């Protein structure tokens, strides 16, 4: 859910030219750009799967 929301935020900022302002606007843009680059996580061990679930 968090990744989907982050992708929606990035899409609105980048493609829809959403306007954001205020003291946290630059940080919001920075975090949205970083989340958009997230491609997933590789899980190599069964113990890690159990931990993540």
PDB file of N, CA and C in Angstrom:
ATOM      1  N   UNK A   1       0.818  -1.186   0.000  1.00  0.00           N
ATOM      2  CA  UNK A   1       0.000   0.000   0.000  1.00  0.00           C
ATOM      3  C   UNK A   1       0.872   1.264   0.000  1.00  0.00           C
ATOM      4  N   UNK A   2       1.910   1.252   0.816  1.00  0.00           N
ATOM      5  CA  UNK A   2       2.787   2.423   0.893  1.00  0.00           C
ATOM      6  C   UNK A   2       3.464   2.674  -0.444  1.00  0.00           C
ATOM      7  N   UNK A   3       3.918   1.597  -1.103  1.00  0.00           N
ATOM      8  CA  UNK A   3       4.567   1.759  -2.403  1.00  0.00           C
ATOM      9  C   UNK A   3       3.596   2.293  -3.443  1.00  0.00           C
ATOM     10  N   UNK A   4       2.357   1.830  -3.399  1.00  0.00           N
ATOM     11  CA  UNK A   4       1.351   2.329  -4.342  1.00  0.00           C
ATOM     12  C   UNK A   4       1.078   3.806  -4.112  1.00  0.00           C
ATOM     13  N   UNK A   5       0.977   4.200  -2.858  1.00  0.00           N
ATOM     14  CA  UNK A   5       0.751   5.615  -2.557  1.00  0.00           C
ATOM     15  C   UNK A   5       1.937   6.459  -2.987  1.00  0.00           C
ATOM     16  N   UNK A   6       3.149   5.952  -2.775  1.00  0.00           N
ATOM     17  CA  UNK A   6       4.340   6.683  -3.186  1.00  0.00           C
ATOM     18  C   UNK A   6       4.383   6.837  -4.706  1.00  0.00           C
ATOM     19  N   UNK A   7       4.002   5.784  -5.422  1.00  0.00           N
ATOM     20  CA  UNK A   7       3.968   5.861  -6.879  1.00  0.00           C
ATOM     21  C   UNK A   7       2.922   6.876  -7.342  1.00  0.00           C
ATOM     22  N   UNK A   8       1.770   6.887  -6.670  1.00  0.00           N
ATOM     23  CA  UNK A   8       0.732   7.871  -7.008  1.00  0.00           C
ATOM     24  C   UNK A   8       1.239   9.291  -6.771  1.00  0.00           C
ATOM     25  N   UNK A   9       1.934   9.490  -5.655  1.00  0.00           N
ATOM     26  CA  UNK A   9       2.497  10.814  -5.350  1.00  0.00           C
ATOM     27  C   UNK A   9       3.466  11.238  -6.443  1.00  0.00           C
ATOM     28  N   UNK A  10       4.369  10.318  -6.833  1.00  0.00           N
ATOM     29  CA  UNK A  10       5.365  10.640  -7.851  1.00  0.00           C
ATOM     30  C   UNK A  10       4.690  10.962  -9.179  1.00  0.00           C
ATOM     31  N   UNK A  11       3.668  10.178  -9.539  1.00  0.00           N
ATOM     32  CA  UNK A  11       2.960  10.403 -10.799  1.00  0.00           C
ATOM     33  C   UNK A  11       2.311  11.775 -10.807  1.00  0.00           C
ATOM     34  N   UNK A  12       1.672  12.130  -9.708  1.00  0.00           N
ATOM     35  CA  UNK A  12       1.037  13.451  -9.650  1.00  0.00           C
ATOM     36  C   UNK A  12       2.061  14.576  -9.739  1.00  0.00           C
ATOM     37  N   UNK A  13       3.203  14.409  -9.101  1.00  0.00           N
ATOM     38  CA  UNK A  13       4.234  15.449  -9.147  1.00  0.00           C
ATOM     39  C   UNK A  13       4.877  15.548 -10.523  1.00  0.00           C
ATOM     40  N   UNK A  14       5.243  14.403 -11.082  1.00  0.00           N
ATOM     41  CA  UNK A  14       6.024  14.385 -12.313  1.00  0.00           C
ATOM     42  C   UNK A  14       5.165  14.539 -13.566  1.00  0.00           C
ATOM     43  N   UNK A  15       4.125  13.745 -13.692  1.00  0.00           N
ATOM     44  CA  UNK A  15       3.345  13.730 -14.926  1.00  0.00           C
ATOM     45  C   UNK A  15       2.175  14.712 -14.921  1.00  0.00           C
ATOM     46  N   UNK A  16       1.557  14.876 -13.761  1.00  0.00           N
ATOM     47  CA  UNK A  16       0.391  15.749 -13.681  1.00  0.00           C
ATOM     48  C   UNK A  16       0.744  17.167 -13.239  1.00  0.00           C
ATOM     49  N   UNK A  17       2.043  17.398 -12.979  1.00  0.00           N
ATOM     50  CA  UNK A  17       2.536  18.717 -12.551  1.00  0.00           C
ATOM     51  C   UNK A  17       1.789  19.253 -11.335  1.00  0.00           C
ATOM     52  N   UNK A  18       1.571  18.374 -10.357  1.00  0.00           N
ATOM     53  CA  UNK A  18       0.913  18.781  -9.121  1.00  0.00           C
ATOM     54  C   UNK A  18       1.727  19.882  -8.440  1.00  0.00           C
ATOM     55  N   UNK A  19       1.063  20.878  -7.931  1.00  0.00           N
ATOM     56  CA  UNK A  19       1.730  21.979  -7.244  1.00  0.00           C
ATOM     57  C   UNK A  19       1.761  21.700  -5.747  1.00  0.00           C
ATOM     58  N   UNK A  20       2.936  21.739  -5.175  1.00  0.00           N
ATOM     59  CA  UNK A  20       3.083  21.623  -3.729  1.00  0.00           C
ATOM     60  C   UNK A  20       3.904  22.812  -3.249  1.00  0.00           C
ATOM     61  N   UNK A  21       3.564  23.292  -2.081  1.00  0.00           N
ATOM     62  CA  UNK A  21       4.290  24.438  -1.533  1.00  0.00           C
ATOM     63  C   UNK A  21       4.355  24.306  -0.021  1.00  0.00           C
ATOM     64  N   UNK A  22       5.133  25.154   0.565  1.00  0.00           N
ATOM     65  CA  UNK A  22       5.270  25.153   2.010  1.00  0.00           C
ATOM     66  C   UNK A  22       6.654  24.703   2.425  1.00  0.00           C
ATOM     67  N   UNK A  23       6.890  24.703   3.725  1.00  0.00           N
ATOM     68  CA  UNK A  23       8.221  24.392   4.228  1.00  0.00           C
ATOM     69  C   UNK A  23       8.680  22.958   3.944  1.00  0.00           C
ATOM     70  N   UNK A  24       7.759  22.017   3.768  1.00  0.00           N
ATOM     71  CA  UNK A  24       8.139  20.628   3.545  1.00  0.00           C
ATOM     72  C   UNK A  24       8.063  20.214   2.078  1.00  0.00           C
ATOM     73  N   UNK A  25       7.795  21.131   1.174  1.00  0.00           N
ATOM     74  CA  UNK A  25       7.609  20.789  -0.243  1.00  0.00           C
ATOM     75  C   UNK A  25       8.858  20.156  -0.859  1.00  0.00           C
ATOM     76  N   UNK A  26      10.020  20.711  -0.588  1.00  0.00           N
ATOM     77  CA  UNK A  26      11.260  20.162  -1.162  1.00  0.00           C
ATOM     78  C   UNK A  26      11.513  18.748  -0.649  1.00  0.00           C
ATOM     79  N   UNK A  27      11.273  18.516   0.630  1.00  0.00           N
ATOM     80  CA  UNK A  27      11.464  17.190   1.206  1.00  0.00           C
ATOM     81  C   UNK A  27      10.462  16.196   0.618  1.00  0.00           C
ATOM     82  N   UNK A  28       9.232  16.624   0.420  1.00  0.00           N
ATOM     83  CA  UNK A  28       8.198  15.778  -0.194  1.00  0.00           C
ATOM     84  C   UNK A  28       8.616  15.370  -1.606  1.00  0.00           C
ATOM     85  N   UNK A  29       9.120  16.318  -2.377  1.00  0.00           N
ATOM     86  CA  UNK A  29       9.581  16.007  -3.734  1.00  0.00           C
ATOM     87  C   UNK A  29      10.751  15.029  -3.711  1.00  0.00           C
ATOM     88  N   UNK A  30      11.694  15.248  -2.791  1.00  0.00           N
ATOM     89  CA  UNK A  30      12.870  14.389  -2.690  1.00  0.00           C
ATOM     90  C   UNK A  30      12.464  12.964  -2.326  1.00  0.00           C
ATOM     91  N   UNK A  31      11.592  12.820  -1.348  1.00  0.00           N
ATOM     92  CA  UNK A  31      11.171  11.482  -0.922  1.00  0.00           C
ATOM     93  C   UNK A  31      10.340  10.788  -1.995  1.00  0.00           C
ATOM     94  N   UNK A  32       9.504  11.534  -2.683  1.00  0.00           N
ATOM     95  CA  UNK A  32       8.692  10.942  -3.755  1.00  0.00           C
ATOM     96  C   UNK A  32       9.576  10.442  -4.879  1.00  0.00           C
ATOM     97  N   UNK A  33      10.606  11.188  -5.226  1.00  0.00           N
ATOM     98  CA  UNK A  33      11.524  10.765  -6.289  1.00  0.00           C
ATOM     99  C   UNK A  33      12.280   9.513  -5.876  1.00  0.00           C
ATOM    100  N   UNK A  34      12.684   9.427  -4.635  1.00  0.00           N
ATOM    101  CA  UNK A  34      13.397   8.244  -4.157  1.00  0.00           C
ATOM    102  C   UNK A  34      12.519   7.015  -4.130  1.00  0.00           C
ATOM    103  N   UNK A  35      11.284   7.174  -3.766  1.00  0.00           N
ATOM    104  CA  UNK A  35      10.359   6.032  -3.717  1.00  0.00           C
ATOM    105  C   UNK A  35      10.020   5.544  -5.114  1.00  0.00           C
ATOM    106  N   UNK A  36       9.994   6.434  -6.077  1.00  0.00           N
ATOM    107  CA  UNK A  36       9.652   6.036  -7.444  1.00  0.00           C
ATOM    108  C   UNK A  36      10.703   5.105  -8.022  1.00  0.00           C
ATOM    109  N   UNK A  37      11.933   5.186  -7.540  1.00  0.00           N
ATOM    110  CA  UNK A  37      13.011   4.363  -8.068  1.00  0.00           C
ATOM    111  C   UNK A  37      13.047   2.965  -7.439  1.00  0.00           C
ATOM    112  N   UNK A  38      12.247   2.731  -6.415  1.00  0.00           N
ATOM    113  CA  UNK A  38      12.259   1.443  -5.730  1.00  0.00           C
ATOM    114  C   UNK A  38      11.677   0.364  -6.627  1.00  0.00           C
ATOM    115  N   UNK A  39      12.444  -0.696  -6.884  1.00  0.00           N
ATOM    116  CA  UNK A  39      12.009  -1.759  -7.785  1.00  0.00           C
ATOM    117  C   UNK A  39      11.647  -3.044  -7.067  1.00  0.00           C
ATOM    118  N   UNK A  40      11.831  -3.086  -5.787  1.00  0.00           N
ATOM    119  CA  UNK A  40      11.496  -4.285  -5.042  1.00  0.00           C
ATOM    120  C   UNK A  40      12.664  -4.766  -4.207  1.00  0.00           C
ATOM    121  N   UNK A  41      12.503  -5.936  -3.671  1.00  0.00           N
ATOM    122  CA  UNK A  41      13.527  -6.490  -2.792  1.00  0.00           C
ATOM    123  C   UNK A  41      13.719  -7.960  -3.136  1.00  0.00           C
ATOM    124  N   UNK A  42      14.959  -8.401  -3.174  1.00  0.00           N
ATOM    125  CA  UNK A  42      15.272  -9.798  -3.423  1.00  0.00           C
ATOM    126  C   UNK A  42      15.393 -10.512  -2.090  1.00  0.00           C
ATOM    127  N   UNK A  43      14.681 -11.611  -1.954  1.00  0.00           N
ATOM    128  CA  UNK A  43      14.742 -12.405  -0.737  1.00  0.00           C
ATOM    129  C   UNK A  43      15.473 -13.695  -1.081  1.00  0.00           C
ATOM    130  N   UNK A  44      16.598 -13.930  -0.406  1.00  0.00           N
ATOM    131  CA  UNK A  44      17.455 -15.063  -0.756  1.00  0.00           C
ATOM    132  C   UNK A  44      17.319 -16.253   0.179  1.00  0.00           C
ATOM    133  N   UNK A  45      16.752 -16.076   1.339  1.00  0.00           N
ATOM    134  CA  UNK A  45      16.674 -17.177   2.297  1.00  0.00           C
ATOM    135  C   UNK A  45      15.254 -17.320   2.839  1.00  0.00           C
ATOM    136  N   UNK A  46      14.872 -18.560   3.122  1.00  0.00           N
ATOM    137  CA  UNK A  46      13.530 -18.805   3.634  1.00  0.00           C
ATOM    138  C   UNK A  46      13.321 -18.130   4.990  1.00  0.00           C
ATOM    139  N   UNK A  47      14.357 -18.057   5.796  1.00  0.00           N
ATOM    140  CA  UNK A  47      14.248 -17.378   7.085  1.00  0.00           C
ATOM    141  C   UNK A  47      13.902 -15.908   6.898  1.00  0.00           C
ATOM    142  N   UNK A  48      14.411 -15.306   5.836  1.00  0.00           N
ATOM    143  CA  UNK A  48      14.100 -13.906   5.563  1.00  0.00           C
ATOM    144  C   UNK A  48      12.642 -13.743   5.160  1.00  0.00           C
ATOM    145  N   UNK A  49      12.103 -14.691   4.432  1.00  0.00           N
ATOM    146  CA  UNK A  49      10.694 -14.648   4.035  1.00  0.00           C
ATOM    147  C   UNK A  49       9.817 -14.665   5.284  1.00  0.00           C
ATOM    148  N   UNK A  50      10.112 -15.574   6.187  1.00  0.00           N
ATOM    149  CA  UNK A  50       9.333 -15.663   7.419  1.00  0.00           C
ATOM    150  C   UNK A  50       9.418 -14.367   8.217  1.00  0.00           C
ATOM    151  N   UNK A  51      10.607 -13.783   8.270  1.00  0.00           N
ATOM    152  CA  UNK A  51      10.799 -12.537   9.013  1.00  0.00           C
ATOM    153  C   UNK A  51       9.991 -11.409   8.385  1.00  0.00           C
ATOM    154  N   UNK A  52       9.998 -11.323   7.073  1.00  0.00           N
ATOM    155  CA  UNK A  52       9.282 -10.247   6.382  1.00  0.00           C
ATOM    156  C   UNK A  52       7.770 -10.408   6.479  1.00  0.00           C
ATOM    157  N   UNK A  53       7.297 -11.637   6.494  1.00  0.00           N
ATOM    158  CA  UNK A  53       5.859 -11.871   6.612  1.00  0.00           C
ATOM    159  C   UNK A  53       5.401 -11.630   8.026  1.00  0.00           C
TER     160      UNK A  53
END
